[in-house]
Amino acid sequence: MHQRNAASGRPTGTDGSDFSYRMVVDSRYQKVAKTKLVLRKLFILQAALLVIGLFLQIFLSTQEDSGPCELDIAAAAFGLVSLIIGELGRRRSQVGLLRFFMVVSSFDAVLWMYCAVRRNSKLGTAENPSHWQGVFELPEIVSALLGLLLHMFILGYTIHLIRNMSPPKRAS
């Protein structure tokens, strides 16, 4: 096999008409690479949102003199650990870790929403329509809803990645 000449960009001893015989990367592997890149960016965004949400809750709780809640700190730490598990599964292409990440991060998303709603006891009744206009102005609820929306995107991309990483099923 001839060595490539760096100056010309094609192998020496060929006129370039042998392109149809060259190996092509399967589209499934191209999809995996693109999905991994998108997931990396979403993981970074989710980690930033978790940290911002945690600092926001700690800042607002110090203004109210109630102190930070241990459950809020545990939910943020649990979320960051689940993102580390997801990042390891993404980097190493391990389906088992990615599935475990999906379960753990879903539990964390529910816990994060619970913490945000519990902290804002103003959400007691839904009878007053003007009451719901003020709900979305609360920073904890907004950050939790953004985190939940981002979590849905992460789950979708993780499922897409798992499907493309798994070998195709052979017809028997």
N, C-alpha and C. Protein backbone atom coordinates (compact mmCIF):
# COMPACT_ATOMS: atom_id res chain seq x y z
N MET A 1 0.85 -1.18 0.00
CA MET A 1 0.00 0.00 0.00
C MET A 1 0.89 1.23 0.00
N HIS A 2 0.56 2.18 -0.79
CA HIS A 2 1.37 3.38 -0.93
C HIS A 2 1.12 4.35 0.21
N GLN A 3 2.12 5.09 0.57
CA GLN A 3 2.02 6.12 1.59
C GLN A 3 1.36 7.36 1.00
N ARG A 4 0.68 8.09 1.84
CA ARG A 4 0.06 9.33 1.39
C ARG A 4 1.11 10.42 1.28
N ASN A 5 1.01 11.18 0.27
CA ASN A 5 1.88 12.34 0.11
C ASN A 5 1.16 13.52 0.74
N ALA A 6 1.76 14.12 1.75
CA ALA A 6 1.09 15.19 2.49
C ALA A 6 0.85 16.41 1.62
N ALA A 7 1.67 16.64 0.64
CA ALA A 7 1.52 17.84 -0.18
C ALA A 7 0.33 17.73 -1.13
N SER A 8 0.11 16.56 -1.70
CA SER A 8 -0.96 16.45 -2.70
C SER A 8 -2.30 16.07 -2.08
N GLY A 9 -2.31 15.40 -0.92
CA GLY A 9 -3.57 15.07 -0.27
C GLY A 9 -4.16 13.76 -0.72
N ARG A 10 -3.53 13.02 -1.62
CA ARG A 10 -4.03 11.72 -2.02
C ARG A 10 -2.86 10.75 -2.13
N PRO A 11 -3.13 9.45 -2.09
CA PRO A 11 -2.04 8.48 -2.14
C PRO A 11 -1.27 8.58 -3.45
N THR A 12 0.02 8.31 -3.36
CA THR A 12 0.82 8.32 -4.58
C THR A 12 0.52 7.06 -5.37
N GLY A 13 0.60 7.14 -6.66
CA GLY A 13 0.36 5.99 -7.52
C GLY A 13 -1.10 5.81 -7.88
N THR A 14 -1.94 6.80 -7.64
CA THR A 14 -3.35 6.71 -8.01
C THR A 14 -3.78 8.01 -8.67
N ASP A 15 -4.76 7.90 -9.51
CA ASP A 15 -5.27 9.10 -10.18
C ASP A 15 -6.51 9.65 -9.47
N GLY A 16 -6.89 9.03 -8.35
CA GLY A 16 -8.05 9.50 -7.61
C GLY A 16 -9.33 8.80 -7.99
N SER A 17 -9.30 7.89 -8.96
CA SER A 17 -10.53 7.23 -9.39
C SER A 17 -10.86 6.01 -8.54
N ASP A 18 -10.06 5.71 -7.52
CA ASP A 18 -10.32 4.55 -6.68
C ASP A 18 -11.15 4.91 -5.44
N PHE A 19 -11.82 6.06 -5.46
CA PHE A 19 -12.57 6.51 -4.29
C PHE A 19 -13.69 5.54 -3.92
N SER A 20 -14.26 4.83 -4.88
CA SER A 20 -15.37 3.94 -4.58
C SER A 20 -14.91 2.71 -3.81
N TYR A 21 -13.63 2.41 -3.80
CA TYR A 21 -13.12 1.24 -3.11
C TYR A 21 -12.62 1.56 -1.71
N ARG A 22 -12.61 2.81 -1.35
CA ARG A 22 -12.11 3.18 -0.03
C ARG A 22 -13.17 2.91 1.02
N MET A 23 -12.70 2.71 2.24
CA MET A 23 -13.62 2.41 3.34
C MET A 23 -14.38 3.67 3.74
N VAL A 24 -15.63 3.47 4.11
CA VAL A 24 -16.49 4.56 4.53
C VAL A 24 -16.95 4.27 5.95
N VAL A 25 -16.98 5.30 6.78
CA VAL A 25 -17.46 5.15 8.14
C VAL A 25 -18.98 5.03 8.10
N ASP A 26 -19.49 4.02 8.79
CA ASP A 26 -20.93 3.79 8.83
C ASP A 26 -21.63 5.00 9.46
N SER A 27 -22.80 5.32 8.97
CA SER A 27 -23.52 6.50 9.46
C SER A 27 -23.89 6.37 10.93
N ARG A 28 -24.04 5.15 11.40
CA ARG A 28 -24.37 4.93 12.80
C ARG A 28 -23.26 5.48 13.70
N TYR A 29 -22.01 5.27 13.31
CA TYR A 29 -20.88 5.76 14.11
C TYR A 29 -20.74 7.28 14.01
N GLN A 30 -21.12 7.83 12.88
CA GLN A 30 -21.13 9.29 12.75
C GLN A 30 -22.19 9.89 13.66
N LYS A 31 -23.36 9.24 13.75
CA LYS A 31 -24.41 9.71 14.65
C LYS A 31 -23.97 9.62 16.11
N VAL A 32 -23.26 8.55 16.45
CA VAL A 32 -22.76 8.41 17.82
C VAL A 32 -21.81 9.54 18.16
N ALA A 33 -20.92 9.87 17.25
CA ALA A 33 -19.95 10.94 17.50
C ALA A 33 -20.66 12.28 17.67
N LYS A 34 -21.63 12.57 16.82
CA LYS A 34 -22.37 13.84 16.92
C LYS A 34 -23.19 13.90 18.20
N THR A 35 -23.83 12.79 18.56
CA THR A 35 -24.64 12.76 19.77
C THR A 35 -23.79 12.90 21.02
N LYS A 36 -22.60 12.28 21.01
CA LYS A 36 -21.70 12.43 22.15
C LYS A 36 -21.27 13.89 22.33
N LEU A 37 -21.04 14.57 21.24
CA LEU A 37 -20.65 15.97 21.32
C LEU A 37 -21.79 16.83 21.88
N VAL A 38 -23.00 16.59 21.42
CA VAL A 38 -24.15 17.33 21.92
C VAL A 38 -24.38 17.02 23.40
N LEU A 39 -24.26 15.74 23.78
CA LEU A 39 -24.44 15.37 25.19
C LEU A 39 -23.40 16.03 26.08
N ARG A 40 -22.19 16.14 25.61
CA ARG A 40 -21.15 16.80 26.40
C ARG A 40 -21.54 18.23 26.71
N LYS A 41 -22.02 18.94 25.70
CA LYS A 41 -22.44 20.32 25.90
C LYS A 41 -23.64 20.40 26.84
N LEU A 42 -24.59 19.47 26.70
CA LEU A 42 -25.76 19.48 27.57
C LEU A 42 -25.39 19.15 29.01
N PHE A 43 -24.42 18.24 29.20
CA PHE A 43 -23.96 17.92 30.55
C PHE A 43 -23.33 19.14 31.21
N ILE A 44 -22.54 19.88 30.46
CA ILE A 44 -21.91 21.09 31.01
C ILE A 44 -22.98 22.12 31.37
N LEU A 45 -23.95 22.27 30.51
CA LEU A 45 -25.04 23.22 30.77
C LEU A 45 -25.86 22.79 31.99
N GLN A 46 -26.13 21.49 32.11
CA GLN A 46 -26.89 21.00 33.26
C GLN A 46 -26.10 21.19 34.55
N ALA A 47 -24.80 20.94 34.53
CA ALA A 47 -23.97 21.14 35.73
C ALA A 47 -23.96 22.61 36.13
N ALA A 48 -23.84 23.50 35.15
CA ALA A 48 -23.87 24.93 35.45
C ALA A 48 -25.22 25.33 36.04
N LEU A 49 -26.30 24.79 35.50
CA LEU A 49 -27.63 25.11 36.01
C LEU A 49 -27.82 24.59 37.43
N LEU A 50 -27.27 23.41 37.71
CA LEU A 50 -27.35 22.87 39.08
C LEU A 50 -26.60 23.75 40.06
N VAL A 51 -25.41 24.17 39.69
CA VAL A 51 -24.60 25.01 40.59
C VAL A 51 -25.27 26.37 40.78
N ILE A 52 -25.76 26.96 39.70
CA ILE A 52 -26.44 28.26 39.81
C ILE A 52 -27.69 28.13 40.67
N GLY A 53 -28.46 27.07 40.45
CA GLY A 53 -29.66 26.85 41.25
C GLY A 53 -29.34 26.66 42.72
N LEU A 54 -28.26 25.95 43.01
CA LEU A 54 -27.86 25.75 44.39
C LEU A 54 -27.43 27.07 45.03
N PHE A 55 -26.61 27.84 44.34
CA PHE A 55 -26.20 29.14 44.89
C PHE A 55 -27.39 30.07 45.04
N LEU A 56 -28.32 30.01 44.14
CA LEU A 56 -29.52 30.83 44.22
C LEU A 56 -30.34 30.46 45.44
N GLN A 57 -30.50 29.16 45.69
CA GLN A 57 -31.26 28.73 46.86
C GLN A 57 -30.54 29.09 48.16
N ILE A 58 -29.23 28.95 48.18
CA ILE A 58 -28.47 29.31 49.38
C ILE A 58 -28.54 30.81 49.62
N PHE A 59 -28.42 31.60 48.55
CA PHE A 59 -28.48 33.06 48.68
C PHE A 59 -29.84 33.51 49.17
N LEU A 60 -30.90 32.95 48.57
CA LEU A 60 -32.25 33.36 48.99
C LEU A 60 -32.58 32.87 50.38
N SER A 61 -32.05 31.71 50.78
CA SER A 61 -32.34 31.22 52.13
C SER A 61 -31.60 32.04 53.19
N THR A 62 -30.45 32.61 52.85
CA THR A 62 -29.75 33.45 53.82
C THR A 62 -30.45 34.79 53.96
N GLN A 63 -31.12 35.25 52.92
CA GLN A 63 -31.89 36.49 53.02
C GLN A 63 -33.12 36.30 53.89
N GLU A 64 -33.69 35.09 53.87
CA GLU A 64 -34.87 34.80 54.67
C GLU A 64 -34.52 34.32 56.07
N ASP A 65 -33.23 34.20 56.37
CA ASP A 65 -32.73 33.72 57.67
C ASP A 65 -33.21 32.31 58.01
N SER A 66 -33.50 31.51 56.98
CA SER A 66 -33.91 30.13 57.24
C SER A 66 -32.76 29.16 57.08
N GLY A 67 -31.68 29.61 56.48
CA GLY A 67 -30.52 28.75 56.28
C GLY A 67 -30.74 27.78 55.14
N PRO A 68 -29.64 27.31 54.56
CA PRO A 68 -29.78 26.37 53.45
C PRO A 68 -30.29 25.01 53.94
N CYS A 69 -31.14 24.41 53.16
CA CYS A 69 -31.73 23.12 53.50
C CYS A 69 -30.78 22.00 53.06
N GLU A 70 -30.64 21.01 53.91
CA GLU A 70 -29.74 19.90 53.60
C GLU A 70 -30.23 19.12 52.39
N LEU A 71 -31.54 19.05 52.20
CA LEU A 71 -32.10 18.33 51.06
C LEU A 71 -31.76 19.01 49.74
N ASP A 72 -31.72 20.35 49.74
CA ASP A 72 -31.34 21.09 48.54
C ASP A 72 -29.88 20.81 48.17
N ILE A 73 -29.02 20.82 49.17
CA ILE A 73 -27.60 20.56 48.94
C ILE A 73 -27.40 19.12 48.48
N ALA A 74 -28.14 18.20 49.10
CA ALA A 74 -28.03 16.79 48.71
C ALA A 74 -28.53 16.58 47.28
N ALA A 75 -29.59 17.27 46.89
CA ALA A 75 -30.11 17.13 45.53
C ALA A 75 -29.11 17.65 44.50
N ALA A 76 -28.46 18.76 44.80
CA ALA A 76 -27.46 19.30 43.88
C ALA A 76 -26.25 18.38 43.79
N ALA A 77 -25.80 17.87 44.93
CA ALA A 77 -24.66 16.95 44.93
C ALA A 77 -25.02 15.66 44.19
N PHE A 78 -26.22 15.17 44.41
CA PHE A 78 -26.69 13.96 43.74
C PHE A 78 -26.76 14.18 42.23
N GLY A 79 -27.20 15.37 41.83
CA GLY A 79 -27.26 15.70 40.41
C GLY A 79 -25.88 15.77 39.78
N LEU A 80 -24.93 16.36 40.49
CA LEU A 80 -23.57 16.44 39.96
C LEU A 80 -22.93 15.05 39.86
N VAL A 81 -23.19 14.19 40.84
CA VAL A 81 -22.66 12.82 40.78
C VAL A 81 -23.29 12.07 39.61
N SER A 82 -24.59 12.27 39.39
CA SER A 82 -25.24 11.59 38.25
C SER A 82 -24.68 12.09 36.92
N LEU A 83 -24.33 13.37 36.84
CA LEU A 83 -23.71 13.89 35.62
C LEU A 83 -22.31 13.30 35.40
N ILE A 84 -21.59 13.06 36.48
CA ILE A 84 -20.27 12.43 36.36
C ILE A 84 -20.43 11.00 35.84
N ILE A 85 -21.44 10.29 36.35
CA ILE A 85 -21.72 8.93 35.86
C ILE A 85 -22.08 8.97 34.38
N GLY A 86 -22.92 9.93 34.00
CA GLY A 86 -23.30 10.06 32.59
C GLY A 86 -22.11 10.41 31.71
N GLU A 87 -21.22 11.26 32.20
CA GLU A 87 -20.04 11.63 31.43
C GLU A 87 -19.10 10.43 31.25
N LEU A 88 -18.95 9.64 32.29
CA LEU A 88 -18.13 8.43 32.17
C LEU A 88 -18.74 7.45 31.16
N GLY A 89 -20.05 7.30 31.21
CA GLY A 89 -20.71 6.42 30.25
C GLY A 89 -20.61 6.95 28.84
N ARG A 90 -20.67 8.26 28.68
CA ARG A 90 -20.56 8.86 27.35
C ARG A 90 -19.14 8.69 26.81
N ARG A 91 -18.15 8.98 27.62
CA ARG A 91 -16.76 8.89 27.17
C ARG A 91 -16.35 7.46 26.83
N ARG A 92 -16.76 6.52 27.68
CA ARG A 92 -16.33 5.13 27.50
C ARG A 92 -17.30 4.32 26.64
N SER A 93 -18.38 4.93 26.20
CA SER A 93 -19.39 4.26 25.38
C SER A 93 -19.94 3.02 26.08
N GLN A 94 -20.26 3.16 27.35
CA GLN A 94 -20.80 2.04 28.13
C GLN A 94 -22.30 2.24 28.32
N VAL A 95 -23.06 1.35 27.71
CA VAL A 95 -24.51 1.44 27.73
C VAL A 95 -25.04 1.28 29.15
N GLY A 96 -24.42 0.39 29.93
CA GLY A 96 -24.87 0.18 31.31
C GLY A 96 -24.77 1.44 32.15
N LEU A 97 -23.67 2.15 32.03
CA LEU A 97 -23.52 3.40 32.79
C LEU A 97 -24.51 4.46 32.31
N LEU A 98 -24.76 4.50 31.02
CA LEU A 98 -25.71 5.48 30.50
C LEU A 98 -27.13 5.19 30.98
N ARG A 99 -27.49 3.92 31.03
CA ARG A 99 -28.82 3.56 31.54
C ARG A 99 -28.93 3.89 33.03
N PHE A 100 -27.88 3.59 33.78
CA PHE A 100 -27.86 3.92 35.21
C PHE A 100 -27.95 5.43 35.40
N PHE A 101 -27.25 6.17 34.56
CA PHE A 101 -27.32 7.64 34.61
C PHE A 101 -28.74 8.13 34.38
N MET A 102 -29.44 7.52 33.42
CA MET A 102 -30.80 7.97 33.13
C MET A 102 -31.72 7.78 34.34
N VAL A 103 -31.58 6.66 35.03
CA VAL A 103 -32.41 6.39 36.20
C VAL A 103 -32.06 7.35 37.34
N VAL A 104 -30.77 7.49 37.61
CA VAL A 104 -30.32 8.33 38.73
C VAL A 104 -30.65 9.80 38.47
N SER A 105 -30.42 10.26 37.25
CA SER A 105 -30.69 11.67 36.97
C SER A 105 -32.18 11.96 36.94
N SER A 106 -33.00 11.00 36.57
CA SER A 106 -34.45 11.21 36.62
C SER A 106 -34.92 11.34 38.07
N PHE A 107 -34.37 10.51 38.93
CA PHE A 107 -34.69 10.63 40.35
C PHE A 107 -34.24 11.98 40.89
N ASP A 108 -33.08 12.44 40.46
CA ASP A 108 -32.58 13.73 40.91
C ASP A 108 -33.46 14.87 40.39
N ALA A 109 -33.95 14.77 39.18
CA ALA A 109 -34.82 15.83 38.64
C ALA A 109 -36.11 15.94 39.45
N VAL A 110 -36.66 14.80 39.84
CA VAL A 110 -37.86 14.81 40.68
C VAL A 110 -37.54 15.40 42.05
N LEU A 111 -36.40 15.01 42.61
CA LEU A 111 -35.99 15.54 43.91
C LEU A 111 -35.75 17.05 43.85
N TRP A 112 -35.14 17.52 42.77
CA TRP A 112 -34.88 18.95 42.59
C TRP A 112 -36.19 19.73 42.49
N MET A 113 -37.16 19.18 41.75
CA MET A 113 -38.47 19.84 41.65
C MET A 113 -39.17 19.86 43.00
N TYR A 114 -39.09 18.76 43.73
CA TYR A 114 -39.69 18.70 45.06
C TYR A 114 -39.09 19.76 45.98
N CYS A 115 -37.77 19.90 45.94
CA CYS A 115 -37.11 20.89 46.79
C CYS A 115 -37.54 22.31 46.43
N ALA A 116 -37.66 22.59 45.14
CA ALA A 116 -38.05 23.93 44.70
C ALA A 116 -39.49 24.24 45.10
N VAL A 117 -40.37 23.28 44.95
CA VAL A 117 -41.77 23.51 45.30
C VAL A 117 -41.94 23.57 46.81
N ARG A 118 -41.23 22.71 47.53
CA ARG A 118 -41.34 22.69 48.99
C ARG A 118 -40.82 23.99 49.59
N ARG A 119 -39.74 24.53 49.03
CA ARG A 119 -39.17 25.75 49.55
C ARG A 119 -40.14 26.92 49.41
N ASN A 120 -40.90 26.91 48.35
CA ASN A 120 -41.86 27.99 48.11
C ASN A 120 -43.24 27.54 48.54
N SER A 121 -43.53 27.69 49.80
CA SER A 121 -44.81 27.24 50.34
C SER A 121 -45.96 28.12 49.86
N LYS A 122 -45.66 29.14 49.05
CA LYS A 122 -46.70 30.01 48.49
C LYS A 122 -47.55 29.27 47.47
N LEU A 123 -47.12 28.08 47.08
CA LEU A 123 -47.82 27.33 46.04
C LEU A 123 -48.98 26.52 46.59
N GLY A 124 -49.50 26.88 47.73
CA GLY A 124 -50.51 26.09 48.40
C GLY A 124 -51.76 25.78 47.60
N THR A 125 -52.45 26.77 47.07
CA THR A 125 -53.69 26.51 46.34
C THR A 125 -53.61 27.14 44.96
N ALA A 126 -54.39 26.59 44.08
CA ALA A 126 -54.41 27.08 42.70
C ALA A 126 -55.72 27.78 42.38
N GLU A 127 -56.44 28.19 43.41
CA GLU A 127 -57.74 28.81 43.19
C GLU A 127 -57.63 30.23 42.67
N ASN A 128 -56.61 30.94 43.05
CA ASN A 128 -56.45 32.33 42.66
C ASN A 128 -55.62 32.40 41.38
N PRO A 129 -56.21 32.87 40.25
CA PRO A 129 -55.44 32.91 39.00
C PRO A 129 -54.24 33.85 39.05
N SER A 130 -54.32 34.95 39.79
CA SER A 130 -53.19 35.86 39.87
C SER A 130 -52.04 35.22 40.64
N HIS A 131 -52.38 34.24 41.44
CA HIS A 131 -51.36 33.51 42.19
C HIS A 131 -50.38 32.81 41.25
N TRP A 132 -50.88 32.21 40.18
CA TRP A 132 -50.03 31.46 39.25
C TRP A 132 -49.18 32.38 38.39
N GLN A 133 -49.57 33.66 38.26
CA GLN A 133 -48.73 34.59 37.51
C GLN A 133 -47.43 34.87 38.26
N GLY A 134 -47.49 34.85 39.56
CA GLY A 134 -46.29 35.11 40.36
C GLY A 134 -45.42 33.88 40.56
N VAL A 135 -45.98 32.70 40.31
CA VAL A 135 -45.23 31.47 40.53
C VAL A 135 -44.00 31.40 39.63
N PHE A 136 -44.17 31.75 38.37
CA PHE A 136 -43.05 31.62 37.43
C PHE A 136 -42.03 32.72 37.58
N GLU A 137 -42.30 33.68 38.44
CA GLU A 137 -41.31 34.71 38.72
C GLU A 137 -40.36 34.29 39.83
N LEU A 138 -40.70 33.21 40.53
CA LEU A 138 -39.83 32.74 41.60
C LEU A 138 -38.59 32.09 40.99
N PRO A 139 -37.41 32.53 41.40
CA PRO A 139 -36.18 32.05 40.77
C PRO A 139 -35.94 30.55 40.94
N GLU A 140 -36.31 29.99 42.09
CA GLU A 140 -36.07 28.57 42.30
C GLU A 140 -36.92 27.73 41.36
N ILE A 141 -38.17 28.13 41.19
CA ILE A 141 -39.08 27.38 40.33
C ILE A 141 -38.62 27.49 38.87
N VAL A 142 -38.21 28.67 38.47
CA VAL A 142 -37.76 28.86 37.09
C VAL A 142 -36.51 28.03 36.83
N SER A 143 -35.55 28.03 37.76
CA SER A 143 -34.33 27.24 37.54
C SER A 143 -34.65 25.75 37.56
N ALA A 144 -35.59 25.33 38.40
CA ALA A 144 -35.97 23.91 38.44
C ALA A 144 -36.69 23.51 37.16
N LEU A 145 -37.55 24.38 36.64
CA LEU A 145 -38.25 24.07 35.38
C LEU A 145 -37.28 24.04 34.20
N LEU A 146 -36.32 24.96 34.18
CA LEU A 146 -35.30 24.93 33.13
C LEU A 146 -34.47 23.65 33.24
N GLY A 147 -34.14 23.27 34.45
CA GLY A 147 -33.40 22.03 34.66
C GLY A 147 -34.19 20.81 34.21
N LEU A 148 -35.51 20.82 34.47
CA LEU A 148 -36.35 19.71 34.03
C LEU A 148 -36.44 19.65 32.51
N LEU A 149 -36.57 20.79 31.88
CA LEU A 149 -36.61 20.83 30.41
C LEU A 149 -35.28 20.35 29.82
N LEU A 150 -34.19 20.81 30.39
CA LEU A 150 -32.88 20.38 29.93
C LEU A 150 -32.69 18.89 30.17
N HIS A 151 -33.22 18.40 31.28
CA HIS A 151 -33.14 16.97 31.59
C HIS A 151 -33.88 16.14 30.54
N MET A 152 -35.00 16.63 30.06
CA MET A 152 -35.74 15.92 29.02
C MET A 152 -34.92 15.82 27.73
N PHE A 153 -34.24 16.90 27.37
CA PHE A 153 -33.37 16.86 26.20
C PHE A 153 -32.22 15.86 26.40
N ILE A 154 -31.64 15.87 27.59
CA ILE A 154 -30.54 14.96 27.88
C ILE A 154 -31.01 13.51 27.79
N LEU A 155 -32.19 13.22 28.33
CA LEU A 155 -32.71 11.86 28.24
C LEU A 155 -32.94 11.45 26.79
N GLY A 156 -33.48 12.35 25.99
CA GLY A 156 -33.71 12.03 24.58
C GLY A 156 -32.42 11.74 23.84
N TYR A 157 -31.42 12.57 24.06
CA TYR A 157 -30.13 12.35 23.40
C TYR A 157 -29.43 11.09 23.93
N THR A 158 -29.60 10.80 25.21
CA THR A 158 -28.99 9.59 25.77
C THR A 158 -29.63 8.34 25.19
N ILE A 159 -30.94 8.34 25.05
CA ILE A 159 -31.64 7.21 24.42
C ILE A 159 -31.18 7.06 22.97
N HIS A 160 -31.06 8.17 22.27
CA HIS A 160 -30.58 8.14 20.87
C HIS A 160 -29.16 7.57 20.81
N LEU A 161 -28.31 7.96 21.75
CA LEU A 161 -26.94 7.47 21.78
C LEU A 161 -26.90 5.97 22.06
N ILE A 162 -27.70 5.52 23.01
CA ILE A 162 -27.73 4.09 23.34
C ILE A 162 -28.20 3.26 22.15
N ARG A 163 -29.21 3.75 21.46
CA ARG A 163 -29.72 3.00 20.30
C ARG A 163 -28.68 2.91 19.18
N ASN A 164 -27.93 3.96 18.98
CA ASN A 164 -26.92 3.95 17.91
C ASN A 164 -25.65 3.20 18.33
N MET A 165 -25.36 3.13 19.62
CA MET A 165 -24.18 2.41 20.06
C MET A 165 -24.40 0.91 20.07
N SER A 166 -25.62 0.48 20.32
CA SER A 166 -25.91 -0.94 20.36
C SER A 166 -25.83 -1.53 18.97
N PRO A 167 -25.30 -2.74 18.85
CA PRO A 167 -25.21 -3.33 17.52
C PRO A 167 -26.59 -3.59 16.94
N PRO A 168 -26.72 -3.50 15.62
CA PRO A 168 -28.02 -3.70 15.02
C PRO A 168 -28.49 -5.15 15.20
N LYS A 169 -29.77 -5.32 15.34
CA LYS A 169 -30.35 -6.64 15.52
C LYS A 169 -30.37 -7.37 14.19
N ARG A 170 -29.97 -8.61 14.20
CA ARG A 170 -29.96 -9.42 12.98
C ARG A 170 -31.28 -10.17 12.87
N ALA A 171 -31.80 -10.22 11.67
CA ALA A 171 -33.04 -10.95 11.45
C ALA A 171 -32.73 -12.45 11.45
N SER A 172 -33.54 -13.22 12.17
CA SER A 172 -33.28 -14.66 12.26
C SER A 172 -34.03 -15.41 11.20
